[in-house]
Amino acid sequence: MPSWIDDLRSRCGPLTDAAALFAASLGVERDPPAGAAGLLALARRVEHRLDRPEDDESDDRLFVELAGSYLSLLLCDAMPHGRHAHREGRHGLLLGLHGFFDPFAAIERLLEADDVRSCLAEQVALAEAEARHGSAGVWSRARARLLPRLVGSSFLLEVNRRAGRQPLYARPLVGDVHLVLLSCDQHRRRYVDAQELASWGEPPDSVLDAALANLARKSGAARLLRVDADQGTLVVARTGDGLDSSRLLLPALHDLLADELGEPFAAAVPHRDALFACSLRSNASLRLMRERAELEASRAAHAITAQLLRVERGGALSPLDG
């Protein structure tokens, strides 16, 4: 007896058989759940897989293919105009007139999420936004959640190794420091991958401007302390929200520190919660900051860099030799 999955074959094409195989893996091939029940069954299956991870990478790819196909059919069942599409080498769903949604990237994000069900709800909301407004609607929703973060090369390599299929969006900043993007809501923060950023249809510079504007709004209460010691004088950020190192990118902070320390000045970002700055005219302060940067980078779970940086007018960064 045909199921609702079979009824979608004309719109979903090659995704239909893969979705049926996924339903079979759930033991519900005769009456696969749809709607909210189907999403719940999908979330439970992902949670079960995360509880018992597989080591075989090919098996992992197969799971993403089957689960992504099932998600595709759940969405098409709920959205009468949804249909299979192939765009720029990717299989996915065309939703509405212009909206494109990648269900396989969505499953990959579920497999990396701390809260699978919240992440699935977010992915479904993105698909609904695509159906209503296309990429412009998704970008409008995404831009308010973006924040920049500085990471070191070793951390970036490790995250991309774990992600496997879809690397993070990352922009080289200075030395071995890279700028990545966080998508944040009330419950969690996740990194933005290159494919997601491309799907918004916005130039990367515009995306970064939006992230910096959001960071500036969150920095009104940022704590900057002047620490005077026998060994030298440092300005230290102590906000503790995971964004202090990223504040090195804010033009308003450049102006504030330049007034205090002169221009150009030196800075250090050994980890995400650390930002130090000092005058380039004080060798004692530079020695103290170098010692602090090396110590904190050595202790950090995910160090950014122990290298001191030179900060020029306009925020241009370069490694500080010595």
C-alpha atoms as a PDB file:
ATOM      1  CA  MET A   1       0.000   0.000   0.000  1.00  0.00           C
ATOM      2  CA  PRO A   2       1.556   3.343  -1.056  1.00  0.00           C
ATOM      3  CA  SER A   3       2.448   5.814   1.708  1.00  0.00           C
ATOM      4  CA  TRP A   4       2.596   9.583   1.681  1.00  0.00           C
ATOM      5  CA  ILE A   5       6.262   9.216   0.703  1.00  0.00           C
ATOM      6  CA  ASP A   6       5.262   7.491  -2.545  1.00  0.00           C
ATOM      7  CA  ASP A   7       2.707  10.211  -3.215  1.00  0.00           C
ATOM      8  CA  LEU A   8       5.539  12.780  -3.345  1.00  0.00           C
ATOM      9  CA  ARG A   9       7.590  10.966  -5.968  1.00  0.00           C
ATOM     10  CA  SER A  10       6.635  13.350  -8.774  1.00  0.00           C
ATOM     11  CA  ARG A  11       8.001  16.316  -6.807  1.00  0.00           C
ATOM     12  CA  CYS A  12      10.869  14.707  -4.909  1.00  0.00           C
ATOM     13  CA  GLY A  13      12.307  12.343  -7.533  1.00  0.00           C
ATOM     14  CA  PRO A  14      15.495  10.581  -6.364  1.00  0.00           C
ATOM     15  CA  LEU A  15      14.968  11.666  -2.755  1.00  0.00           C
ATOM     16  CA  THR A  16      11.882   9.461  -2.478  1.00  0.00           C
ATOM     17  CA  ASP A  17      13.609   6.076  -2.453  1.00  0.00           C
ATOM     18  CA  ALA A  18      16.244   7.278   0.020  1.00  0.00           C
ATOM     19  CA  ALA A  19      13.507   8.598   2.321  1.00  0.00           C
ATOM     20  CA  ALA A  20      11.717   5.251   2.115  1.00  0.00           C
ATOM     21  CA  LEU A  21      14.949   3.490   3.126  1.00  0.00           C
ATOM     22  CA  PHE A  22      15.253   5.795   6.120  1.00  0.00           C
ATOM     23  CA  ALA A  23      11.652   5.000   7.106  1.00  0.00           C
ATOM     24  CA  ALA A  24      12.549   1.319   6.856  1.00  0.00           C
ATOM     25  CA  SER A  25      15.487   1.882   9.220  1.00  0.00           C
ATOM     26  CA  LEU A  26      12.961   3.266  11.714  1.00  0.00           C
ATOM     27  CA  GLY A  27      10.802   0.175  11.288  1.00  0.00           C
ATOM     28  CA  VAL A  28       7.871   2.265  10.032  1.00  0.00           C
ATOM     29  CA  GLU A  29       8.075   1.755   6.257  1.00  0.00           C
ATOM     30  CA  ARG A  30       4.369   0.802   6.038  1.00  0.00           C
ATOM     31  CA  ASP A  31       3.160   3.899   7.876  1.00  0.00           C
ATOM     32  CA  PRO A  32       6.002   6.448   8.161  1.00  0.00           C
ATOM     33  CA  PRO A  33       5.185   9.392  10.444  1.00  0.00           C
ATOM     34  CA  ALA A  34       4.711  12.793   8.816  1.00  0.00           C
ATOM     35  CA  GLY A  35       4.408  16.316  10.147  1.00  0.00           C
ATOM     36  CA  ALA A  36       5.454  16.953  13.739  1.00  0.00           C
ATOM     37  CA  ALA A  37       5.528  13.211  14.469  1.00  0.00           C
ATOM     38  CA  GLY A  38       7.916  12.691  11.569  1.00  0.00           C
ATOM     39  CA  LEU A  39      10.231  15.455  12.792  1.00  0.00           C
ATOM     40  CA  LEU A  40      10.208  13.949  16.278  1.00  0.00           C
ATOM     41  CA  ALA A  41      11.061  10.503  14.864  1.00  0.00           C
ATOM     42  CA  LEU A  42      13.919  12.057  12.877  1.00  0.00           C
ATOM     43  CA  ALA A  43      15.262  13.869  15.943  1.00  0.00           C
ATOM     44  CA  ARG A  44      15.128  10.694  18.026  1.00  0.00           C
ATOM     45  CA  ARG A  45      17.014   8.767  15.347  1.00  0.00           C
ATOM     46  CA  VAL A  46      19.754  11.418  15.241  1.00  0.00           C
ATOM     47  CA  GLU A  47      19.969  11.413  19.046  1.00  0.00           C
ATOM     48  CA  HIS A  48      20.262   7.624  19.028  1.00  0.00           C
ATOM     49  CA  ARG A  49      23.088   7.844  16.512  1.00  0.00           C
ATOM     50  CA  LEU A  50      24.927  10.417  18.603  1.00  0.00           C
ATOM     51  CA  ASP A  51      24.636   8.124  21.622  1.00  0.00           C
ATOM     52  CA  ARG A  52      26.225   5.318  19.610  1.00  0.00           C
ATOM     53  CA  PRO A  53      28.567   7.042  17.112  1.00  0.00           C
ATOM     54  CA  GLU A  54      29.859   5.096  14.151  1.00  0.00           C
ATOM     55  CA  ASP A  55      33.527   5.111  13.192  1.00  0.00           C
ATOM     56  CA  ASP A  56      32.929   4.327   9.517  1.00  0.00           C
ATOM     57  CA  GLU A  57      32.951   7.601   7.554  1.00  0.00           C
ATOM     58  CA  SER A  58      31.126   6.001   4.609  1.00  0.00           C
ATOM     59  CA  ASP A  59      28.348   4.912   6.973  1.00  0.00           C
ATOM     60  CA  ASP A  60      28.164   8.474   8.275  1.00  0.00           C
ATOM     61  CA  ARG A  61      27.735   9.801   4.734  1.00  0.00           C
ATOM     62  CA  LEU A  62      24.983   7.267   4.083  1.00  0.00           C
ATOM     63  CA  PHE A  63      23.140   8.330   7.232  1.00  0.00           C
ATOM     64  CA  VAL A  64      23.255  11.990   6.154  1.00  0.00           C
ATOM     65  CA  GLU A  65      21.949  11.045   2.698  1.00  0.00           C
ATOM     66  CA  LEU A  66      19.031   8.978   4.017  1.00  0.00           C
ATOM     67  CA  ALA A  67      18.081  11.270   6.897  1.00  0.00           C
ATOM     68  CA  GLY A  68      18.389  14.349   4.678  1.00  0.00           C
ATOM     69  CA  SER A  69      16.069  12.761   2.134  1.00  0.00           C
ATOM     70  CA  TYR A  70      13.510  11.970   4.833  1.00  0.00           C
ATOM     71  CA  LEU A  71      13.693  15.577   6.073  1.00  0.00           C
ATOM     72  CA  SER A  72      13.197  16.718   2.470  1.00  0.00           C
ATOM     73  CA  LEU A  73       9.993  14.758   2.114  1.00  0.00           C
ATOM     74  CA  LEU A  74       8.686  15.930   5.491  1.00  0.00           C
ATOM     75  CA  LEU A  75       9.178  19.512   4.330  1.00  0.00           C
ATOM     76  CA  CYS A  76       7.672  18.928   0.894  1.00  0.00           C
ATOM     77  CA  ASP A  77       4.670  17.231   2.471  1.00  0.00           C
ATOM     78  CA  ALA A  78       4.081  20.397   4.506  1.00  0.00           C
ATOM     79  CA  MET A  79       4.900  22.832   1.683  1.00  0.00           C
ATOM     80  CA  PRO A  80       2.804  22.202  -1.437  1.00  0.00           C
ATOM     81  CA  HIS A  81       5.238  24.031  -3.751  1.00  0.00           C
ATOM     82  CA  GLY A  82       8.402  22.344  -2.484  1.00  0.00           C
ATOM     83  CA  ARG A  83      10.261  20.076  -4.920  1.00  0.00           C
ATOM     84  CA  HIS A  84      13.625  18.449  -5.520  1.00  0.00           C
ATOM     85  CA  ALA A  85      16.211  20.644  -7.221  1.00  0.00           C
ATOM     86  CA  HIS A  86      19.867  20.444  -8.170  1.00  0.00           C
ATOM     87  CA  ARG A  87      21.833  23.659  -7.813  1.00  0.00           C
ATOM     88  CA  GLU A  88      25.585  24.248  -8.114  1.00  0.00           C
ATOM     89  CA  GLY A  89      26.361  20.580  -7.609  1.00  0.00           C
ATOM     90  CA  ARG A  90      24.056  20.234  -4.596  1.00  0.00           C
ATOM     91  CA  HIS A  91      20.809  18.292  -4.246  1.00  0.00           C
ATOM     92  CA  GLY A  92      18.180  20.047  -2.195  1.00  0.00           C
ATOM     93  CA  LEU A  93      14.742  21.599  -2.201  1.00  0.00           C
ATOM     94  CA  LEU A  94      13.384  24.502  -4.180  1.00  0.00           C
ATOM     95  CA  LEU A  95      10.891  26.233  -1.889  1.00  0.00           C
ATOM     96  CA  GLY A  96       8.682  28.956  -3.283  1.00  0.00           C
ATOM     97  CA  LEU A  97       9.891  30.891  -6.305  1.00  0.00           C
ATOM     98  CA  HIS A  98      13.536  31.314  -5.355  1.00  0.00           C
ATOM     99  CA  GLY A  99      14.256  29.748  -1.968  1.00  0.00           C
ATOM    100  CA  PHE A 100      16.727  26.844  -1.918  1.00  0.00           C
ATOM    101  CA  PHE A 101      17.241  24.650   1.159  1.00  0.00           C
ATOM    102  CA  ASP A 102      19.964  22.045   1.661  1.00  0.00           C
ATOM    103  CA  PRO A 103      18.515  19.249   3.867  1.00  0.00           C
ATOM    104  CA  PHE A 104      21.806  17.342   3.960  1.00  0.00           C
ATOM    105  CA  ALA A 105      23.691  20.298   5.431  1.00  0.00           C
ATOM    106  CA  ALA A 106      20.834  20.544   7.939  1.00  0.00           C
ATOM    107  CA  ILE A 107      21.392  16.934   9.048  1.00  0.00           C
ATOM    108  CA  GLU A 108      25.128  17.585   9.366  1.00  0.00           C
ATOM    109  CA  ARG A 109      24.334  20.464  11.707  1.00  0.00           C
ATOM    110  CA  LEU A 110      22.067  18.205  13.765  1.00  0.00           C
ATOM    111  CA  LEU A 111      24.925  15.744  14.155  1.00  0.00           C
ATOM    112  CA  GLU A 112      27.118  18.538  15.538  1.00  0.00           C
ATOM    113  CA  ALA A 113      24.460  20.115  17.788  1.00  0.00           C
ATOM    114  CA  ASP A 114      24.343  19.993  21.572  1.00  0.00           C
ATOM    115  CA  ASP A 115      20.535  20.080  21.433  1.00  0.00           C
ATOM    116  CA  VAL A 116      19.294  18.117  18.414  1.00  0.00           C
ATOM    117  CA  ARG A 117      15.637  19.105  18.738  1.00  0.00           C
ATOM    118  CA  SER A 118      16.307  22.829  19.059  1.00  0.00           C
ATOM    119  CA  CYS A 119      18.649  22.652  16.100  1.00  0.00           C
ATOM    120  CA  LEU A 120      16.047  20.794  14.032  1.00  0.00           C
ATOM    121  CA  ALA A 121      13.438  23.428  14.900  1.00  0.00           C
ATOM    122  CA  GLU A 122      15.876  26.096  13.731  1.00  0.00           C
ATOM    123  CA  GLN A 123      16.518  24.285  10.441  1.00  0.00           C
ATOM    124  CA  VAL A 124      12.797  23.891   9.782  1.00  0.00           C
ATOM    125  CA  ALA A 125      12.319  27.597  10.496  1.00  0.00           C
ATOM    126  CA  LEU A 126      15.054  28.386   7.951  1.00  0.00           C
ATOM    127  CA  ALA A 127      13.277  26.239   5.371  1.00  0.00           C
ATOM    128  CA  GLU A 128      10.009  28.038   6.086  1.00  0.00           C
ATOM    129  CA  ALA A 129      11.752  31.394   5.675  1.00  0.00           C
ATOM    130  CA  GLU A 130      13.149  30.228   2.341  1.00  0.00           C
ATOM    131  CA  ALA A 131       9.646  29.260   1.243  1.00  0.00           C
ATOM    132  CA  ARG A 132       8.283  32.685   2.183  1.00  0.00           C
ATOM    133  CA  HIS A 133      11.042  34.994   1.039  1.00  0.00           C
ATOM    134  CA  GLY A 134      13.926  33.092  -0.538  1.00  0.00           C
ATOM    135  CA  SER A 135      17.509  33.826   0.510  1.00  0.00           C
ATOM    136  CA  ALA A 136      16.631  37.424   1.415  1.00  0.00           C
ATOM    137  CA  GLY A 137      14.297  36.162   4.137  1.00  0.00           C
ATOM    138  CA  VAL A 138      16.870  33.729   5.506  1.00  0.00           C
ATOM    139  CA  TRP A 139      19.531  36.439   5.546  1.00  0.00           C
ATOM    140  CA  SER A 140      17.181  38.831   7.339  1.00  0.00           C
ATOM    141  CA  ARG A 141      16.698  36.211  10.039  1.00  0.00           C
ATOM    142  CA  ALA A 142      20.352  35.193  10.219  1.00  0.00           C
ATOM    143  CA  ARG A 143      21.993  38.625  10.338  1.00  0.00           C
ATOM    144  CA  ALA A 144      20.625  39.504  13.779  1.00  0.00           C
ATOM    145  CA  ARG A 145      22.287  36.380  15.242  1.00  0.00           C
ATOM    146  CA  LEU A 146      25.805  36.796  13.895  1.00  0.00           C
ATOM    147  CA  LEU A 147      28.889  37.555  15.954  1.00  0.00           C
ATOM    148  CA  PRO A 148      32.587  37.425  14.996  1.00  0.00           C
ATOM    149  CA  ARG A 149      35.083  35.227  16.807  1.00  0.00           C
ATOM    150  CA  LEU A 150      38.855  34.968  16.562  1.00  0.00           C
ATOM    151  CA  VAL A 151      40.363  31.472  16.449  1.00  0.00           C
ATOM    152  CA  GLY A 152      43.815  30.013  15.979  1.00  0.00           C
ATOM    153  CA  SER A 153      44.865  27.834  13.068  1.00  0.00           C
ATOM    154  CA  SER A 154      45.076  24.648  15.150  1.00  0.00           C
ATOM    155  CA  PHE A 155      41.523  25.091  16.453  1.00  0.00           C
ATOM    156  CA  LEU A 156      40.217  25.794  12.958  1.00  0.00           C
ATOM    157  CA  LEU A 157      41.891  22.652  11.583  1.00  0.00           C
ATOM    158  CA  GLU A 158      40.430  20.537  14.382  1.00  0.00           C
ATOM    159  CA  VAL A 159      36.880  21.846  13.914  1.00  0.00           C
ATOM    160  CA  ASN A 160      37.047  21.325  10.153  1.00  0.00           C
ATOM    161  CA  ARG A 161      38.437  17.822  10.658  1.00  0.00           C
ATOM    162  CA  ARG A 162      35.502  16.924  12.896  1.00  0.00           C
ATOM    163  CA  ALA A 163      33.003  18.548  10.520  1.00  0.00           C
ATOM    164  CA  GLY A 164      34.463  16.509   7.666  1.00  0.00           C
ATOM    165  CA  ARG A 165      32.231  17.502   4.802  1.00  0.00           C
ATOM    166  CA  GLN A 166      31.566  21.210   5.188  1.00  0.00           C
ATOM    167  CA  PRO A 167      34.347  23.552   6.378  1.00  0.00           C
ATOM    168  CA  LEU A 168      33.636  26.627   8.452  1.00  0.00           C
ATOM    169  CA  TYR A 169      33.664  30.022   6.859  1.00  0.00           C
ATOM    170  CA  ALA A 170      37.001  31.508   7.938  1.00  0.00           C
ATOM    171  CA  ARG A 171      38.888  34.620   6.875  1.00  0.00           C
ATOM    172  CA  PRO A 172      42.644  34.885   7.546  1.00  0.00           C
ATOM    173  CA  LEU A 173      43.213  37.915   9.742  1.00  0.00           C
ATOM    174  CA  VAL A 174      46.861  38.127  10.810  1.00  0.00           C
ATOM    175  CA  GLY A 175      49.543  35.478  11.297  1.00  0.00           C
ATOM    176  CA  ASP A 176      47.814  32.267  12.356  1.00  0.00           C
ATOM    177  CA  VAL A 177      44.678  34.102  13.543  1.00  0.00           C
ATOM    178  CA  HIS A 178      41.433  33.632  11.617  1.00  0.00           C
ATOM    179  CA  LEU A 179      38.042  35.292  11.844  1.00  0.00           C
ATOM    180  CA  VAL A 180      35.025  32.977  11.940  1.00  0.00           C
ATOM    181  CA  LEU A 181      31.333  33.647  12.508  1.00  0.00           C
ATOM    182  CA  LEU A 182      28.994  32.497  15.256  1.00  0.00           C
ATOM    183  CA  SER A 183      25.232  32.172  14.902  1.00  0.00           C
ATOM    184  CA  CYS A 184      23.763  32.778  18.351  1.00  0.00           C
ATOM    185  CA  ASP A 185      20.371  32.419  19.959  1.00  0.00           C
ATOM    186  CA  GLN A 186      19.248  32.232  23.580  1.00  0.00           C
ATOM    187  CA  HIS A 187      20.258  28.606  24.001  1.00  0.00           C
ATOM    188  CA  ARG A 188      23.410  27.995  21.995  1.00  0.00           C
ATOM    189  CA  ARG A 189      26.109  29.263  19.684  1.00  0.00           C
ATOM    190  CA  ARG A 190      27.285  27.449  16.575  1.00  0.00           C
ATOM    191  CA  TYR A 191      29.836  28.188  13.887  1.00  0.00           C
ATOM    192  CA  VAL A 192      28.696  29.247  10.409  1.00  0.00           C
ATOM    193  CA  ASP A 193      30.025  27.077   7.605  1.00  0.00           C
ATOM    194  CA  ALA A 194      31.024  28.276   4.155  1.00  0.00           C
ATOM    195  CA  GLN A 195      27.981  26.775   2.451  1.00  0.00           C
ATOM    196  CA  GLU A 196      25.536  28.465   4.812  1.00  0.00           C
ATOM    197  CA  LEU A 197      27.150  31.842   4.265  1.00  0.00           C
ATOM    198  CA  ALA A 198      26.994  31.374   0.486  1.00  0.00           C
ATOM    199  CA  SER A 199      23.285  30.494   0.715  1.00  0.00           C
ATOM    200  CA  TRP A 200      22.487  33.964   2.098  1.00  0.00           C
ATOM    201  CA  GLY A 201      23.462  35.567  -1.194  1.00  0.00           C
ATOM    202  CA  GLU A 202      25.310  38.416   0.558  1.00  0.00           C
ATOM    203  CA  PRO A 203      28.915  39.537  -0.064  1.00  0.00           C
ATOM    204  CA  PRO A 204      31.169  38.268   2.750  1.00  0.00           C
ATOM    205  CA  ASP A 205      32.179  41.839   3.619  1.00  0.00           C
ATOM    206  CA  SER A 206      28.515  42.741   4.206  1.00  0.00           C
ATOM    207  CA  VAL A 207      28.075  39.662   6.401  1.00  0.00           C
ATOM    208  CA  LEU A 208      31.129  40.620   8.468  1.00  0.00           C
ATOM    209  CA  ASP A 209      29.872  44.201   8.793  1.00  0.00           C
ATOM    210  CA  ALA A 210      26.600  42.857  10.210  1.00  0.00           C
ATOM    211  CA  ALA A 211      28.457  40.650  12.687  1.00  0.00           C
ATOM    212  CA  LEU A 212      30.631  43.573  13.828  1.00  0.00           C
ATOM    213  CA  ALA A 213      27.575  45.794  14.243  1.00  0.00           C
ATOM    214  CA  ASN A 214      26.005  43.141  16.483  1.00  0.00           C
ATOM    215  CA  LEU A 215      29.222  42.891  18.504  1.00  0.00           C
ATOM    216  CA  ALA A 216      29.329  46.666  18.926  1.00  0.00           C
ATOM    217  CA  ARG A 217      25.773  46.605  20.329  1.00  0.00           C
ATOM    218  CA  LYS A 218      26.852  43.941  22.827  1.00  0.00           C
ATOM    219  CA  SER A 219      29.914  45.908  23.905  1.00  0.00           C
ATOM    220  CA  GLY A 220      28.368  48.905  25.608  1.00  0.00           C
ATOM    221  CA  ALA A 221      29.084  47.376  29.002  1.00  0.00           C
ATOM    222  CA  ALA A 222      32.450  45.841  28.063  1.00  0.00           C
ATOM    223  CA  ARG A 223      34.972  46.110  30.927  1.00  0.00           C
ATOM    224  CA  LEU A 224      38.406  47.564  30.208  1.00  0.00           C
ATOM    225  CA  LEU A 225      40.757  47.848  33.174  1.00  0.00           C
ATOM    226  CA  ARG A 226      44.063  49.696  33.406  1.00  0.00           C
ATOM    227  CA  VAL A 227      46.536  47.583  35.359  1.00  0.00           C
ATOM    228  CA  ASP A 228      49.622  49.409  36.665  1.00  0.00           C
ATOM    229  CA  ALA A 229      52.423  47.194  37.978  1.00  0.00           C
ATOM    230  CA  ASP A 230      56.139  47.554  38.633  1.00  0.00           C
ATOM    231  CA  GLN A 231      56.766  45.513  35.468  1.00  0.00           C
ATOM    232  CA  GLY A 232      54.629  47.754  33.232  1.00  0.00           C
ATOM    233  CA  THR A 233      51.110  48.988  32.430  1.00  0.00           C
ATOM    234  CA  LEU A 234      48.453  47.025  30.534  1.00  0.00           C
ATOM    235  CA  VAL A 235      44.871  47.626  29.505  1.00  0.00           C
ATOM    236  CA  VAL A 236      42.961  44.390  30.073  1.00  0.00           C
ATOM    237  CA  ALA A 237      39.482  43.410  28.847  1.00  0.00           C
ATOM    238  CA  ARG A 238      37.547  41.518  31.507  1.00  0.00           C
ATOM    239  CA  THR A 239      33.978  41.168  30.253  1.00  0.00           C
ATOM    240  CA  GLY A 240      33.930  37.348  30.358  1.00  0.00           C
ATOM    241  CA  ASP A 241      31.312  36.782  27.657  1.00  0.00           C
ATOM    242  CA  GLY A 242      33.544  34.882  25.239  1.00  0.00           C
ATOM    243  CA  LEU A 243      33.851  37.921  22.964  1.00  0.00           C
ATOM    244  CA  ASP A 244      36.668  39.991  24.471  1.00  0.00           C
ATOM    245  CA  SER A 245      39.281  38.913  21.923  1.00  0.00           C
ATOM    246  CA  SER A 246      36.851  39.706  19.095  1.00  0.00           C
ATOM    247  CA  ARG A 247      36.503  43.274  20.364  1.00  0.00           C
ATOM    248  CA  LEU A 248      39.949  43.946  18.932  1.00  0.00           C
ATOM    249  CA  LEU A 249      38.064  44.324  15.620  1.00  0.00           C
ATOM    250  CA  LEU A 250      35.839  47.200  16.809  1.00  0.00           C
ATOM    251  CA  PRO A 251      36.777  50.670  15.469  1.00  0.00           C
ATOM    252  CA  ALA A 252      35.413  52.341  18.623  1.00  0.00           C
ATOM    253  CA  LEU A 253      37.771  50.256  20.753  1.00  0.00           C
ATOM    254  CA  HIS A 254      40.719  51.221  18.541  1.00  0.00           C
ATOM    255  CA  ASP A 255      39.940  54.894  19.146  1.00  0.00           C
ATOM    256  CA  LEU A 256      39.572  54.369  22.893  1.00  0.00           C
ATOM    257  CA  LEU A 257      42.833  52.470  23.239  1.00  0.00           C
ATOM    258  CA  ALA A 258      44.710  54.847  20.941  1.00  0.00           C
ATOM    259  CA  ASP A 259      43.697  57.755  23.201  1.00  0.00           C
ATOM    260  CA  GLU A 260      45.036  55.841  26.203  1.00  0.00           C
ATOM    261  CA  LEU A 261      48.140  54.210  24.729  1.00  0.00           C
ATOM    262  CA  GLY A 262      49.100  56.224  21.675  1.00  0.00           C
ATOM    263  CA  GLU A 263      48.966  55.182  18.052  1.00  0.00           C
ATOM    264  CA  PRO A 264      49.914  52.610  16.932  1.00  0.00           C
ATOM    265  CA  PHE A 265      49.724  50.373  20.000  1.00  0.00           C
ATOM    266  CA  ALA A 266      50.329  46.699  20.784  1.00  0.00           C
ATOM    267  CA  ALA A 267      47.692  44.057  21.569  1.00  0.00           C
ATOM    268  CA  ALA A 268      47.464  40.362  22.418  1.00  0.00           C
ATOM    269  CA  VAL A 269      44.577  37.882  22.094  1.00  0.00           C
ATOM    270  CA  PRO A 270      45.777  34.583  23.595  1.00  0.00           C
ATOM    271  CA  HIS A 271      42.255  33.124  23.894  1.00  0.00           C
ATOM    272  CA  ARG A 272      38.635  34.140  23.395  1.00  0.00           C
ATOM    273  CA  ASP A 273      38.216  35.757  26.836  1.00  0.00           C
ATOM    274  CA  ALA A 274      41.499  37.673  26.759  1.00  0.00           C
ATOM    275  CA  LEU A 275      42.431  41.001  25.211  1.00  0.00           C
ATOM    276  CA  PHE A 276      45.510  42.892  26.388  1.00  0.00           C
ATOM    277  CA  ALA A 277      46.909  46.157  25.056  1.00  0.00           C
ATOM    278  CA  CYS A 278      49.864  48.369  25.881  1.00  0.00           C
ATOM    279  CA  SER A 279      51.941  51.225  24.525  1.00  0.00           C
ATOM    280  CA  LEU A 280      54.622  50.487  21.966  1.00  0.00           C
ATOM    281  CA  ARG A 281      56.820  53.047  23.719  1.00  0.00           C
ATOM    282  CA  SER A 282      57.156  50.987  26.913  1.00  0.00           C
ATOM    283  CA  ASN A 283      59.545  48.052  26.667  1.00  0.00           C
ATOM    284  CA  ALA A 284      58.608  46.997  30.206  1.00  0.00           C
ATOM    285  CA  SER A 285      54.909  46.858  29.296  1.00  0.00           C
ATOM    286  CA  LEU A 286      55.673  44.921  26.123  1.00  0.00           C
ATOM    287  CA  ARG A 287      57.684  42.357  28.085  1.00  0.00           C
ATOM    288  CA  LEU A 288      54.886  42.002  30.633  1.00  0.00           C
ATOM    289  CA  MET A 289      52.232  41.581  27.930  1.00  0.00           C
ATOM    290  CA  ARG A 290      54.350  39.013  26.075  1.00  0.00           C
ATOM    291  CA  GLU A 291      54.719  36.985  29.272  1.00  0.00           C
ATOM    292  CA  ARG A 292      50.976  37.157  29.980  1.00  0.00           C
ATOM    293  CA  ALA A 293      50.078  36.202  26.418  1.00  0.00           C
ATOM    294  CA  GLU A 294      52.412  33.208  26.395  1.00  0.00           C
ATOM    295  CA  LEU A 295      51.182  32.016  29.793  1.00  0.00           C
ATOM    296  CA  GLU A 296      47.483  32.348  28.998  1.00  0.00           C
ATOM    297  CA  ALA A 297      47.821  30.806  25.538  1.00  0.00           C
ATOM    298  CA  SER A 298      49.625  27.815  27.062  1.00  0.00           C
ATOM    299  CA  ARG A 299      46.784  27.274  29.544  1.00  0.00           C
ATOM    300  CA  ALA A 300      43.835  27.851  27.213  1.00  0.00           C
ATOM    301  CA  ALA A 301      41.813  24.908  25.922  1.00  0.00           C
ATOM    302  CA  HIS A 302      41.570  26.618  22.522  1.00  0.00           C
ATOM    303  CA  ALA A 303      44.383  29.151  22.253  1.00  0.00           C
ATOM    304  CA  ILE A 304      44.282  31.836  19.582  1.00  0.00           C
ATOM    305  CA  THR A 305      47.897  33.058  19.534  1.00  0.00           C
ATOM    306  CA  ALA A 306      50.702  34.114  21.861  1.00  0.00           C
ATOM    307  CA  GLN A 307      52.028  36.471  19.149  1.00  0.00           C
ATOM    308  CA  LEU A 308      51.823  40.181  19.962  1.00  0.00           C
ATOM    309  CA  LEU A 309      50.075  42.333  17.367  1.00  0.00           C
ATOM    310  CA  ARG A 310      50.637  45.854  16.141  1.00  0.00           C
ATOM    311  CA  VAL A 311      47.391  47.843  15.790  1.00  0.00           C
ATOM    312  CA  GLU A 312      47.515  50.736  13.323  1.00  0.00           C
ATOM    313  CA  ARG A 313      45.079  53.550  12.640  1.00  0.00           C
ATOM    314  CA  GLY A 314      41.865  52.108  11.239  1.00  0.00           C
ATOM    315  CA  GLY A 315      42.445  48.787  12.987  1.00  0.00           C
ATOM    316  CA  ALA A 316      45.003  47.320  10.567  1.00  0.00           C
ATOM    317  CA  LEU A 317      46.788  44.410  12.281  1.00  0.00           C
ATOM    318  CA  SER A 318      50.262  43.005  11.763  1.00  0.00           C
ATOM    319  CA  PRO A 319      52.552  40.718  13.794  1.00  0.00           C
ATOM    320  CA  LEU A 320      54.772  42.560  16.236  1.00  0.00           C
ATOM    321  CA  ASP A 321      58.332  41.246  15.914  1.00  0.00           C
ATOM    322  CA  GLY A 322      60.575  40.798  18.848  1.00  0.00           C
END
